[in-house]
């Protein structure tokens, strides 16, 4: 039995930053994301007659150290669903890995979907979201398209994503500004843990997220693009303030990241719609309208010659190929 699943990345507009339970990857707060159509992962799963799993990424077979996270995940799934089959996992990642583009979100969502289909588990999408979350927290959201909320929950069964609007009729385009595609020095997992333990502002972050989550859901319902942009940008800057206020302090920003934030503000001063959001990496995503997109892209490329820009529209949920 062989099945292939495709899942798309998502960009968190209200960020997930901090786990209250490492085993089940339960977050301290809910989060809200937008699935994108530009970056995705295809994962083919084959049941094999073997006592160990084989994993390849972009047509290269990984050694046990390189694929430790995936092997651990497959062991978890076998325990959860009481089967003993081993797999050959063939993943092709159309996402820069470990550079703040949520490659683990699309990767584990695609793997969860492939497992569900190959093993004929017949999971509904909520159950599939739970399965994906066991690999990567943000993967829970990539099961769905459009605007998605991840409910923090307090157990493996109660922490899952749910769709808010999978096909929003809204004039929103994302311009991804790729500064570099190198792996980050501090993983999201380690960065979160350090922030939770040592930033004096972490309790304020939990309160802020609860407030901004309600505000942005109201803005989405009203299709208030400016409010969506304002909240998303403020939430991103607040998340990165946790890294700067941790002890020891750290940041995912590169010098170009700061410059792009400044450019986005310059564009708004010129009356051009643009708001920035940044995950755990140096690359910046700029929320645009169809009207502002070309102006924003042109201005960025004029100001910074060493970056690449990629246009992403609103994406769909998990697919099977």
C-alpha atoms as a PDB file:
ATOM      1  CA  UNK A   1       0.000   0.000   0.000  1.00  0.00           C
ATOM      2  CA  UNK A   2       1.419   3.375  -1.048  1.00  0.00           C
ATOM      3  CA  UNK A   3      -0.168   6.804  -0.781  1.00  0.00           C
ATOM      4  CA  UNK A   4       1.135  10.343  -1.304  1.00  0.00           C
ATOM      5  CA  UNK A   5      -0.098  13.402   0.576  1.00  0.00           C
ATOM      6  CA  UNK A   6       0.569  17.080  -0.097  1.00  0.00           C
ATOM      7  CA  UNK A   7       0.365  19.708   2.618  1.00  0.00           C
ATOM      8  CA  UNK A   8       1.050  23.432   2.439  1.00  0.00           C
ATOM      9  CA  UNK A   9       2.857  25.700   4.866  1.00  0.00           C
ATOM     10  CA  UNK A  10       1.027  28.202   6.981  1.00  0.00           C
ATOM     11  CA  UNK A  11       2.029  31.565   8.342  1.00  0.00           C
ATOM     12  CA  UNK A  12       0.909  32.305  11.888  1.00  0.00           C
ATOM     13  CA  UNK A  13      -0.714  35.721  12.163  1.00  0.00           C
ATOM     14  CA  UNK A  14      -1.160  35.117  15.894  1.00  0.00           C
ATOM     15  CA  UNK A  15       1.967  33.215  16.862  1.00  0.00           C
ATOM     16  CA  UNK A  16       2.504  29.951  18.720  1.00  0.00           C
ATOM     17  CA  UNK A  17       5.513  30.412  20.994  1.00  0.00           C
ATOM     18  CA  UNK A  18       5.922  28.139  23.977  1.00  0.00           C
ATOM     19  CA  UNK A  19       4.921  24.598  24.989  1.00  0.00           C
ATOM     20  CA  UNK A  20       3.276  23.737  28.300  1.00  0.00           C
ATOM     21  CA  UNK A  21       3.638  20.020  27.544  1.00  0.00           C
ATOM     22  CA  UNK A  22       6.627  18.767  25.541  1.00  0.00           C
ATOM     23  CA  UNK A  23       5.404  15.201  25.055  1.00  0.00           C
ATOM     24  CA  UNK A  24       2.150  16.180  23.342  1.00  0.00           C
ATOM     25  CA  UNK A  25       3.388  19.556  22.045  1.00  0.00           C
ATOM     26  CA  UNK A  26       0.608  21.444  23.794  1.00  0.00           C
ATOM     27  CA  UNK A  27       0.996  25.228  23.521  1.00  0.00           C
ATOM     28  CA  UNK A  28       0.379  27.780  26.241  1.00  0.00           C
ATOM     29  CA  UNK A  29      -1.919  29.740  23.924  1.00  0.00           C
ATOM     30  CA  UNK A  30      -4.188  29.323  20.945  1.00  0.00           C
ATOM     31  CA  UNK A  31      -2.804  30.583  17.615  1.00  0.00           C
ATOM     32  CA  UNK A  32      -4.187  31.608  14.233  1.00  0.00           C
ATOM     33  CA  UNK A  33      -2.667  31.097  10.804  1.00  0.00           C
ATOM     34  CA  UNK A  34      -3.165  31.503   7.080  1.00  0.00           C
ATOM     35  CA  UNK A  35      -2.348  28.554   4.820  1.00  0.00           C
ATOM     36  CA  UNK A  36      -0.257  29.509   1.773  1.00  0.00           C
ATOM     37  CA  UNK A  37      -0.213  28.004  -1.716  1.00  0.00           C
ATOM     38  CA  UNK A  38       3.441  28.602  -2.600  1.00  0.00           C
ATOM     39  CA  UNK A  39       5.395  26.328  -0.261  1.00  0.00           C
ATOM     40  CA  UNK A  40       4.440  22.682   0.218  1.00  0.00           C
ATOM     41  CA  UNK A  41       5.633  19.170   1.030  1.00  0.00           C
ATOM     42  CA  UNK A  42       4.838  15.933  -0.839  1.00  0.00           C
ATOM     43  CA  UNK A  43       5.241  12.770   1.195  1.00  0.00           C
ATOM     44  CA  UNK A  44       4.876   9.247  -0.190  1.00  0.00           C
ATOM     45  CA  UNK A  45       4.514   6.443   2.324  1.00  0.00           C
ATOM     46  CA  UNK A  46       5.016   2.748   1.596  1.00  0.00           C
ATOM     47  CA  UNK A  47       4.562  -0.118   4.038  1.00  0.00           C
ATOM     48  CA  UNK A  48       7.714  -2.260   3.936  1.00  0.00           C
ATOM     49  CA  UNK A  49       8.682  -5.688   5.243  1.00  0.00           C
ATOM     50  CA  UNK A  50      11.334  -4.484   7.663  1.00  0.00           C
ATOM     51  CA  UNK A  51      11.915  -3.885  11.368  1.00  0.00           C
ATOM     52  CA  UNK A  52      13.061  -0.317  10.759  1.00  0.00           C
ATOM     53  CA  UNK A  53      11.860   2.727   8.835  1.00  0.00           C
ATOM     54  CA  UNK A  54      13.659   4.237   5.834  1.00  0.00           C
ATOM     55  CA  UNK A  55      13.403   7.987   5.348  1.00  0.00           C
ATOM     56  CA  UNK A  56      14.496  10.041   2.345  1.00  0.00           C
ATOM     57  CA  UNK A  57      14.335  13.815   2.046  1.00  0.00           C
ATOM     58  CA  UNK A  58      14.584  15.374  -1.401  1.00  0.00           C
ATOM     59  CA  UNK A  59      15.732  12.001  -2.844  1.00  0.00           C
ATOM     60  CA  UNK A  60      18.520  11.518  -0.266  1.00  0.00           C
ATOM     61  CA  UNK A  61      18.267   8.702   2.275  1.00  0.00           C
ATOM     62  CA  UNK A  62      18.822  10.110   5.761  1.00  0.00           C
ATOM     63  CA  UNK A  63      20.881   8.413   8.435  1.00  0.00           C
ATOM     64  CA  UNK A  64      19.380   7.652  11.857  1.00  0.00           C
ATOM     65  CA  UNK A  65      20.718  10.877  13.370  1.00  0.00           C
ATOM     66  CA  UNK A  66      19.385  13.061  10.550  1.00  0.00           C
ATOM     67  CA  UNK A  67      15.905  11.567  10.680  1.00  0.00           C
ATOM     68  CA  UNK A  68      15.689  11.058  14.447  1.00  0.00           C
ATOM     69  CA  UNK A  69      12.672  13.359  14.769  1.00  0.00           C
ATOM     70  CA  UNK A  70      10.730  11.480  12.085  1.00  0.00           C
ATOM     71  CA  UNK A  71      11.662   8.063  13.491  1.00  0.00           C
ATOM     72  CA  UNK A  72      10.509   9.135  16.960  1.00  0.00           C
ATOM     73  CA  UNK A  73       7.260  10.385  15.466  1.00  0.00           C
ATOM     74  CA  UNK A  74       6.612   7.108  13.654  1.00  0.00           C
ATOM     75  CA  UNK A  75       7.237   5.232  16.922  1.00  0.00           C
ATOM     76  CA  UNK A  76       4.689   7.507  18.625  1.00  0.00           C
ATOM     77  CA  UNK A  77       2.113   6.873  15.904  1.00  0.00           C
ATOM     78  CA  UNK A  78       2.607   3.114  16.125  1.00  0.00           C
ATOM     79  CA  UNK A  79       1.889   3.267  19.877  1.00  0.00           C
ATOM     80  CA  UNK A  80      -1.115   5.570  19.459  1.00  0.00           C
ATOM     81  CA  UNK A  81      -2.777   3.409  16.821  1.00  0.00           C
ATOM     82  CA  UNK A  82      -1.515  -0.021  17.896  1.00  0.00           C
ATOM     83  CA  UNK A  83       0.155  -1.283  14.752  1.00  0.00           C
ATOM     84  CA  UNK A  84       3.677  -2.528  14.071  1.00  0.00           C
ATOM     85  CA  UNK A  85       4.188  -1.753  10.368  1.00  0.00           C
ATOM     86  CA  UNK A  86       7.329   0.055   9.269  1.00  0.00           C
ATOM     87  CA  UNK A  87       7.514   2.470   6.384  1.00  0.00           C
ATOM     88  CA  UNK A  88       9.580   3.902   3.619  1.00  0.00           C
ATOM     89  CA  UNK A  89       9.015   7.653   3.773  1.00  0.00           C
ATOM     90  CA  UNK A  90       9.879   9.631   0.633  1.00  0.00           C
ATOM     91  CA  UNK A  91       9.524  13.361   1.216  1.00  0.00           C
ATOM     92  CA  UNK A  92      10.088  16.154  -1.265  1.00  0.00           C
ATOM     93  CA  UNK A  93      10.156  19.516   0.447  1.00  0.00           C
ATOM     94  CA  UNK A  94       9.302  22.567  -1.661  1.00  0.00           C
ATOM     95  CA  UNK A  95      10.131  24.777   1.312  1.00  0.00           C
ATOM     96  CA  UNK A  96      13.421  26.201   2.609  1.00  0.00           C
ATOM     97  CA  UNK A  97      14.175  24.023   5.664  1.00  0.00           C
ATOM     98  CA  UNK A  98      14.777  25.568   9.125  1.00  0.00           C
ATOM     99  CA  UNK A  99      14.651  29.140   7.817  1.00  0.00           C
ATOM    100  CA  UNK A 100      11.346  30.265   9.302  1.00  0.00           C
ATOM    101  CA  UNK A 101       9.077  29.059   6.499  1.00  0.00           C
ATOM    102  CA  UNK A 102       7.262  26.375   8.522  1.00  0.00           C
ATOM    103  CA  UNK A 103       8.770  23.419   6.678  1.00  0.00           C
ATOM    104  CA  UNK A 104       7.978  21.209   9.675  1.00  0.00           C
ATOM    105  CA  UNK A 105       4.319  22.274   9.467  1.00  0.00           C
ATOM    106  CA  UNK A 106       3.848  21.122   5.890  1.00  0.00           C
ATOM    107  CA  UNK A 107       6.208  18.178   6.418  1.00  0.00           C
ATOM    108  CA  UNK A 108       4.447  16.586   9.371  1.00  0.00           C
ATOM    109  CA  UNK A 109       0.980  17.425   8.044  1.00  0.00           C
ATOM    110  CA  UNK A 110       1.841  15.600   4.813  1.00  0.00           C
ATOM    111  CA  UNK A 111       3.326  12.676   6.750  1.00  0.00           C
ATOM    112  CA  UNK A 112       0.241  12.436   8.972  1.00  0.00           C
ATOM    113  CA  UNK A 113      -2.002  12.466   5.905  1.00  0.00           C
ATOM    114  CA  UNK A 114       0.067   9.779   4.199  1.00  0.00           C
ATOM    115  CA  UNK A 115      -0.071   7.587   7.311  1.00  0.00           C
ATOM    116  CA  UNK A 116      -3.832   8.039   7.571  1.00  0.00           C
ATOM    117  CA  UNK A 117      -4.339   7.013   3.952  1.00  0.00           C
ATOM    118  CA  UNK A 118      -1.775   4.223   3.792  1.00  0.00           C
ATOM    119  CA  UNK A 119      -2.920   2.594   7.030  1.00  0.00           C
ATOM    120  CA  UNK A 120      -6.602   3.399   6.290  1.00  0.00           C
ATOM    121  CA  UNK A 121      -7.093   4.871   9.751  1.00  0.00           C
ATOM    122  CA  UNK A 122     -10.163   6.783   8.497  1.00  0.00           C
ATOM    123  CA  UNK A 123      -9.408   9.782  10.685  1.00  0.00           C
ATOM    124  CA  UNK A 124     -11.575  12.870  10.343  1.00  0.00           C
ATOM    125  CA  UNK A 125      -9.779  16.181   9.901  1.00  0.00           C
ATOM    126  CA  UNK A 126      -9.832  17.025  13.610  1.00  0.00           C
ATOM    127  CA  UNK A 127      -8.226  13.669  14.408  1.00  0.00           C
ATOM    128  CA  UNK A 128      -5.769  14.184  11.559  1.00  0.00           C
ATOM    129  CA  UNK A 129      -4.863  17.573  13.020  1.00  0.00           C
ATOM    130  CA  UNK A 130      -4.093  15.876  16.330  1.00  0.00           C
ATOM    131  CA  UNK A 131      -1.943  13.288  14.554  1.00  0.00           C
ATOM    132  CA  UNK A 132      -0.011  16.034  12.722  1.00  0.00           C
ATOM    133  CA  UNK A 133       0.466  18.012  15.953  1.00  0.00           C
ATOM    134  CA  UNK A 134       2.303  15.057  17.469  1.00  0.00           C
ATOM    135  CA  UNK A 135       5.018  15.680  14.874  1.00  0.00           C
ATOM    136  CA  UNK A 136       5.045  19.483  14.892  1.00  0.00           C
ATOM    137  CA  UNK A 137       2.702  21.851  16.670  1.00  0.00           C
ATOM    138  CA  UNK A 138       2.146  24.133  13.688  1.00  0.00           C
ATOM    139  CA  UNK A 139       1.464  21.092  11.468  1.00  0.00           C
ATOM    140  CA  UNK A 140      -1.929  20.828  13.150  1.00  0.00           C
ATOM    141  CA  UNK A 141      -2.958  23.969  11.234  1.00  0.00           C
ATOM    142  CA  UNK A 142      -1.730  22.798   7.802  1.00  0.00           C
ATOM    143  CA  UNK A 143      -4.510  20.203   7.608  1.00  0.00           C
ATOM    144  CA  UNK A 144      -6.844  23.060   6.646  1.00  0.00           C
ATOM    145  CA  UNK A 145      -6.796  25.850   4.091  1.00  0.00           C
ATOM    146  CA  UNK A 146      -7.369  29.558   4.606  1.00  0.00           C
ATOM    147  CA  UNK A 147      -7.640  31.000   8.118  1.00  0.00           C
ATOM    148  CA  UNK A 148      -7.156  28.375  10.837  1.00  0.00           C
ATOM    149  CA  UNK A 149      -7.146  28.471  14.644  1.00  0.00           C
ATOM    150  CA  UNK A 150      -5.219  25.983  16.763  1.00  0.00           C
ATOM    151  CA  UNK A 151      -6.975  25.326  20.077  1.00  0.00           C
ATOM    152  CA  UNK A 152      -4.320  24.890  22.788  1.00  0.00           C
ATOM    153  CA  UNK A 153      -6.235  22.273  24.766  1.00  0.00           C
ATOM    154  CA  UNK A 154      -4.926  20.442  27.819  1.00  0.00           C
ATOM    155  CA  UNK A 155      -4.485  16.891  26.519  1.00  0.00           C
ATOM    156  CA  UNK A 156      -3.631  14.993  23.335  1.00  0.00           C
ATOM    157  CA  UNK A 157      -7.337  14.689  22.550  1.00  0.00           C
ATOM    158  CA  UNK A 158      -8.255  18.351  23.115  1.00  0.00           C
ATOM    159  CA  UNK A 159      -5.444  20.147  21.254  1.00  0.00           C
ATOM    160  CA  UNK A 160      -6.272  20.496  17.550  1.00  0.00           C
ATOM    161  CA  UNK A 161      -6.788  23.045  14.805  1.00  0.00           C
ATOM    162  CA  UNK A 162     -10.125  24.060  13.357  1.00  0.00           C
ATOM    163  CA  UNK A 163     -10.944  26.106  10.264  1.00  0.00           C
ATOM    164  CA  UNK A 164     -12.200  29.671  10.575  1.00  0.00           C
ATOM    165  CA  UNK A 165     -12.649  30.349   6.851  1.00  0.00           C
ATOM    166  CA  UNK A 166     -11.031  27.946   4.389  1.00  0.00           C
ATOM    167  CA  UNK A 167     -11.920  29.913   1.258  1.00  0.00           C
ATOM    168  CA  UNK A 168     -11.939  33.542   2.376  1.00  0.00           C
ATOM    169  CA  UNK A 169     -13.067  36.081  -0.199  1.00  0.00           C
ATOM    170  CA  UNK A 170     -10.504  38.611   0.874  1.00  0.00           C
ATOM    171  CA  UNK A 171      -7.994  40.750  -1.043  1.00  0.00           C
ATOM    172  CA  UNK A 172      -4.890  39.454   0.703  1.00  0.00           C
ATOM    173  CA  UNK A 173      -1.590  38.374  -0.855  1.00  0.00           C
ATOM    174  CA  UNK A 174       1.631  37.488   0.917  1.00  0.00           C
ATOM    175  CA  UNK A 175       5.049  38.541  -0.357  1.00  0.00           C
ATOM    176  CA  UNK A 176       7.776  36.357   1.144  1.00  0.00           C
ATOM    177  CA  UNK A 177      11.159  38.062   1.276  1.00  0.00           C
ATOM    178  CA  UNK A 178      13.866  35.390   1.384  1.00  0.00           C
ATOM    179  CA  UNK A 179      17.026  36.741   2.998  1.00  0.00           C
ATOM    180  CA  UNK A 180      18.704  33.356   3.281  1.00  0.00           C
ATOM    181  CA  UNK A 181      17.760  29.684   3.238  1.00  0.00           C
ATOM    182  CA  UNK A 182      20.330  28.548   5.780  1.00  0.00           C
ATOM    183  CA  UNK A 183      19.271  26.510   8.799  1.00  0.00           C
ATOM    184  CA  UNK A 184      18.827  28.669  11.880  1.00  0.00           C
ATOM    185  CA  UNK A 185      21.325  28.341  14.713  1.00  0.00           C
ATOM    186  CA  UNK A 186      18.644  28.099  17.418  1.00  0.00           C
ATOM    187  CA  UNK A 187      15.749  25.747  16.720  1.00  0.00           C
ATOM    188  CA  UNK A 188      12.195  26.902  17.360  1.00  0.00           C
ATOM    189  CA  UNK A 189      11.897  24.270  20.104  1.00  0.00           C
ATOM    190  CA  UNK A 190      14.966  25.539  21.968  1.00  0.00           C
ATOM    191  CA  UNK A 191      14.027  29.159  21.332  1.00  0.00           C
ATOM    192  CA  UNK A 192      10.566  28.655  22.795  1.00  0.00           C
ATOM    193  CA  UNK A 193      11.876  26.873  25.857  1.00  0.00           C
ATOM    194  CA  UNK A 194      14.424  29.590  26.561  1.00  0.00           C
ATOM    195  CA  UNK A 195      11.802  32.335  26.129  1.00  0.00           C
ATOM    196  CA  UNK A 196       9.249  30.635  28.396  1.00  0.00           C
ATOM    197  CA  UNK A 197      11.785  30.008  31.158  1.00  0.00           C
ATOM    198  CA  UNK A 198      13.689  33.288  31.152  1.00  0.00           C
ATOM    199  CA  UNK A 199      11.785  36.159  29.509  1.00  0.00           C
ATOM    200  CA  UNK A 200      10.164  38.332  32.197  1.00  0.00           C
ATOM    201  CA  UNK A 201       7.500  39.266  29.639  1.00  0.00           C
ATOM    202  CA  UNK A 202       6.214  35.765  28.914  1.00  0.00           C
ATOM    203  CA  UNK A 203       3.108  36.058  31.161  1.00  0.00           C
ATOM    204  CA  UNK A 204       2.230  39.283  29.308  1.00  0.00           C
ATOM    205  CA  UNK A 205       2.579  37.405  25.999  1.00  0.00           C
ATOM    206  CA  UNK A 206      -0.072  34.872  27.064  1.00  0.00           C
ATOM    207  CA  UNK A 207      -2.479  37.708  27.936  1.00  0.00           C
ATOM    208  CA  UNK A 208      -1.700  39.577  24.707  1.00  0.00           C
ATOM    209  CA  UNK A 209      -2.354  36.542  22.499  1.00  0.00           C
ATOM    210  CA  UNK A 210      -5.782  35.962  24.065  1.00  0.00           C
ATOM    211  CA  UNK A 211      -6.733  39.574  23.355  1.00  0.00           C
ATOM    212  CA  UNK A 212      -5.299  39.812  19.831  1.00  0.00           C
ATOM    213  CA  UNK A 213      -6.799  36.469  18.847  1.00  0.00           C
ATOM    214  CA  UNK A 214     -10.311  37.770  19.472  1.00  0.00           C
ATOM    215  CA  UNK A 215      -9.539  41.032  17.680  1.00  0.00           C
ATOM    216  CA  UNK A 216      -8.154  39.389  14.552  1.00  0.00           C
ATOM    217  CA  UNK A 217     -11.056  36.933  14.294  1.00  0.00           C
ATOM    218  CA  UNK A 218     -13.435  39.903  14.335  1.00  0.00           C
ATOM    219  CA  UNK A 219     -11.299  41.622  11.684  1.00  0.00           C
ATOM    220  CA  UNK A 220     -11.353  38.488   9.495  1.00  0.00           C
ATOM    221  CA  UNK A 221     -15.141  38.292   9.782  1.00  0.00           C
ATOM    222  CA  UNK A 222     -15.404  41.958   8.734  1.00  0.00           C
ATOM    223  CA  UNK A 223     -12.695  41.555   6.039  1.00  0.00           C
ATOM    224  CA  UNK A 224     -10.887  44.487   7.678  1.00  0.00           C
ATOM    225  CA  UNK A 225      -7.481  44.132   6.003  1.00  0.00           C
ATOM    226  CA  UNK A 226      -5.881  47.033   7.809  1.00  0.00           C
ATOM    227  CA  UNK A 227      -6.842  45.647  11.216  1.00  0.00           C
ATOM    228  CA  UNK A 228      -5.610  42.166  10.237  1.00  0.00           C
ATOM    229  CA  UNK A 229      -2.280  43.657   9.171  1.00  0.00           C
ATOM    230  CA  UNK A 230      -1.888  45.804  12.282  1.00  0.00           C
ATOM    231  CA  UNK A 231      -2.603  42.936  14.673  1.00  0.00           C
ATOM    232  CA  UNK A 232      -0.408  40.446  12.802  1.00  0.00           C
ATOM    233  CA  UNK A 233       2.556  42.836  12.721  1.00  0.00           C
ATOM    234  CA  UNK A 234       2.251  43.741  16.393  1.00  0.00           C
ATOM    235  CA  UNK A 235       1.924  40.092  17.405  1.00  0.00           C
ATOM    236  CA  UNK A 236       5.057  39.139  15.443  1.00  0.00           C
ATOM    237  CA  UNK A 237       7.111  41.953  16.979  1.00  0.00           C
ATOM    238  CA  UNK A 238       5.858  40.972  20.436  1.00  0.00           C
ATOM    239  CA  UNK A 239       6.946  37.364  19.875  1.00  0.00           C
ATOM    240  CA  UNK A 240      10.429  38.428  18.829  1.00  0.00           C
ATOM    241  CA  UNK A 241      10.598  40.707  21.880  1.00  0.00           C
ATOM    242  CA  UNK A 242      10.484  37.504  23.942  1.00  0.00           C
ATOM    243  CA  UNK A 243      13.672  36.259  22.281  1.00  0.00           C
ATOM    244  CA  UNK A 244      15.427  39.571  22.863  1.00  0.00           C
ATOM    245  CA  UNK A 245      14.360  39.622  26.524  1.00  0.00           C
ATOM    246  CA  UNK A 246      15.324  35.997  27.200  1.00  0.00           C
ATOM    247  CA  UNK A 247      18.464  35.172  29.156  1.00  0.00           C
ATOM    248  CA  UNK A 248      20.732  34.673  27.332  1.00  0.00           C
ATOM    249  CA  UNK A 249      19.228  36.992  24.764  1.00  0.00           C
ATOM    250  CA  UNK A 250      18.965  35.792  21.164  1.00  0.00           C
ATOM    251  CA  UNK A 251      17.301  36.752  17.906  1.00  0.00           C
ATOM    252  CA  UNK A 252      16.323  35.193  14.601  1.00  0.00           C
ATOM    253  CA  UNK A 253      16.699  38.534  12.829  1.00  0.00           C
ATOM    254  CA  UNK A 254      19.445  39.260  10.312  1.00  0.00           C
ATOM    255  CA  UNK A 255      20.458  42.858   9.528  1.00  0.00           C
ATOM    256  CA  UNK A 256      18.295  42.663   6.411  1.00  0.00           C
ATOM    257  CA  UNK A 257      15.310  41.662   8.559  1.00  0.00           C
ATOM    258  CA  UNK A 258      15.501  44.983  10.397  1.00  0.00           C
ATOM    259  CA  UNK A 259      15.854  46.858   7.139  1.00  0.00           C
ATOM    260  CA  UNK A 260      12.764  45.181   5.665  1.00  0.00           C
ATOM    261  CA  UNK A 261      10.739  46.122   8.759  1.00  0.00           C
ATOM    262  CA  UNK A 262      11.853  49.729   8.198  1.00  0.00           C
ATOM    263  CA  UNK A 263      10.959  49.510   4.499  1.00  0.00           C
ATOM    264  CA  UNK A 264       7.456  48.251   5.336  1.00  0.00           C
ATOM    265  CA  UNK A 265       6.936  51.302   7.540  1.00  0.00           C
ATOM    266  CA  UNK A 266       8.269  53.562   4.776  1.00  0.00           C
ATOM    267  CA  UNK A 267       5.781  52.030   2.357  1.00  0.00           C
ATOM    268  CA  UNK A 268       2.879  52.714   4.720  1.00  0.00           C
ATOM    269  CA  UNK A 269       4.011  56.306   5.061  1.00  0.00           C
ATOM    270  CA  UNK A 270       3.720  56.509   1.266  1.00  0.00           C
ATOM    271  CA  UNK A 271       0.136  55.233   1.508  1.00  0.00           C
ATOM    272  CA  UNK A 272       0.993  51.719   0.243  1.00  0.00           C
ATOM    273  CA  UNK A 273      -0.636  48.809   2.078  1.00  0.00           C
ATOM    274  CA  UNK A 274       2.053  46.607   3.706  1.00  0.00           C
ATOM    275  CA  UNK A 275       2.427  44.858   7.060  1.00  0.00           C
ATOM    276  CA  UNK A 276       5.222  42.539   8.186  1.00  0.00           C
ATOM    277  CA  UNK A 277       5.121  39.230  10.004  1.00  0.00           C
ATOM    278  CA  UNK A 278       8.104  37.031  10.853  1.00  0.00           C
ATOM    279  CA  UNK A 279       8.313  33.499  12.240  1.00  0.00           C
ATOM    280  CA  UNK A 280      11.372  31.905  13.849  1.00  0.00           C
ATOM    281  CA  UNK A 281      13.844  32.821  11.127  1.00  0.00           C
ATOM    282  CA  UNK A 282      15.224  35.890   9.347  1.00  0.00           C
ATOM    283  CA  UNK A 283      12.856  35.873   6.384  1.00  0.00           C
ATOM    284  CA  UNK A 284       9.979  38.337   6.313  1.00  0.00           C
ATOM    285  CA  UNK A 285       6.462  37.885   5.001  1.00  0.00           C
ATOM    286  CA  UNK A 286       4.694  41.042   3.948  1.00  0.00           C
ATOM    287  CA  UNK A 287       0.907  41.178   3.965  1.00  0.00           C
ATOM    288  CA  UNK A 288      -0.215  43.013   0.832  1.00  0.00           C
ATOM    289  CA  UNK A 289      -3.302  43.612  -1.254  1.00  0.00           C
ATOM    290  CA  UNK A 290      -3.423  42.782  -4.961  1.00  0.00           C
ATOM    291  CA  UNK A 291      -3.165  46.518  -5.613  1.00  0.00           C
ATOM    292  CA  UNK A 292      -0.140  47.098  -3.350  1.00  0.00           C
ATOM    293  CA  UNK A 293       1.760  43.909  -4.226  1.00  0.00           C
ATOM    294  CA  UNK A 294       3.689  45.126  -7.272  1.00  0.00           C
ATOM    295  CA  UNK A 295       4.650  48.402  -5.589  1.00  0.00           C
ATOM    296  CA  UNK A 296       5.864  46.597  -2.474  1.00  0.00           C
ATOM    297  CA  UNK A 297       7.819  44.019  -4.475  1.00  0.00           C
ATOM    298  CA  UNK A 298       9.452  46.659  -6.673  1.00  0.00           C
ATOM    299  CA  UNK A 299      10.416  48.852  -3.713  1.00  0.00           C
ATOM    300  CA  UNK A 300      11.903  45.911  -1.783  1.00  0.00           C
ATOM    301  CA  UNK A 301      13.972  44.805  -4.771  1.00  0.00           C
ATOM    302  CA  UNK A 302      15.186  48.378  -5.365  1.00  0.00           C
ATOM    303  CA  UNK A 303      16.266  48.772  -1.741  1.00  0.00           C
ATOM    304  CA  UNK A 304      17.795  45.320  -1.250  1.00  0.00           C
ATOM    305  CA  UNK A 305      19.627  43.656  -4.105  1.00  0.00           C
ATOM    306  CA  UNK A 306      20.575  40.473  -2.234  1.00  0.00           C
ATOM    307  CA  UNK A 307      17.083  39.137  -1.447  1.00  0.00           C
ATOM    308  CA  UNK A 308      14.558  37.076  -3.380  1.00  0.00           C
ATOM    309  CA  UNK A 309      10.830  37.686  -3.290  1.00  0.00           C
ATOM    310  CA  UNK A 310       8.139  35.047  -3.697  1.00  0.00           C
ATOM    311  CA  UNK A 311       4.406  35.702  -4.054  1.00  0.00           C
ATOM    312  CA  UNK A 312       2.030  33.429  -2.143  1.00  0.00           C
ATOM    313  CA  UNK A 313      -1.749  33.375  -2.240  1.00  0.00           C
ATOM    314  CA  UNK A 314      -4.187  31.767   0.162  1.00  0.00           C
ATOM    315  CA  UNK A 315      -3.699  28.001   0.095  1.00  0.00           C
ATOM    316  CA  UNK A 316      -5.864  24.942   0.533  1.00  0.00           C
ATOM    317  CA  UNK A 317      -5.868  22.108   3.029  1.00  0.00           C
ATOM    318  CA  UNK A 318      -4.230  18.697   2.733  1.00  0.00           C
ATOM    319  CA  UNK A 319      -4.497  16.910  -0.619  1.00  0.00           C
ATOM    320  CA  UNK A 320      -3.883  13.381  -1.819  1.00  0.00           C
ATOM    321  CA  UNK A 321      -2.030  12.658  -5.043  1.00  0.00           C
END
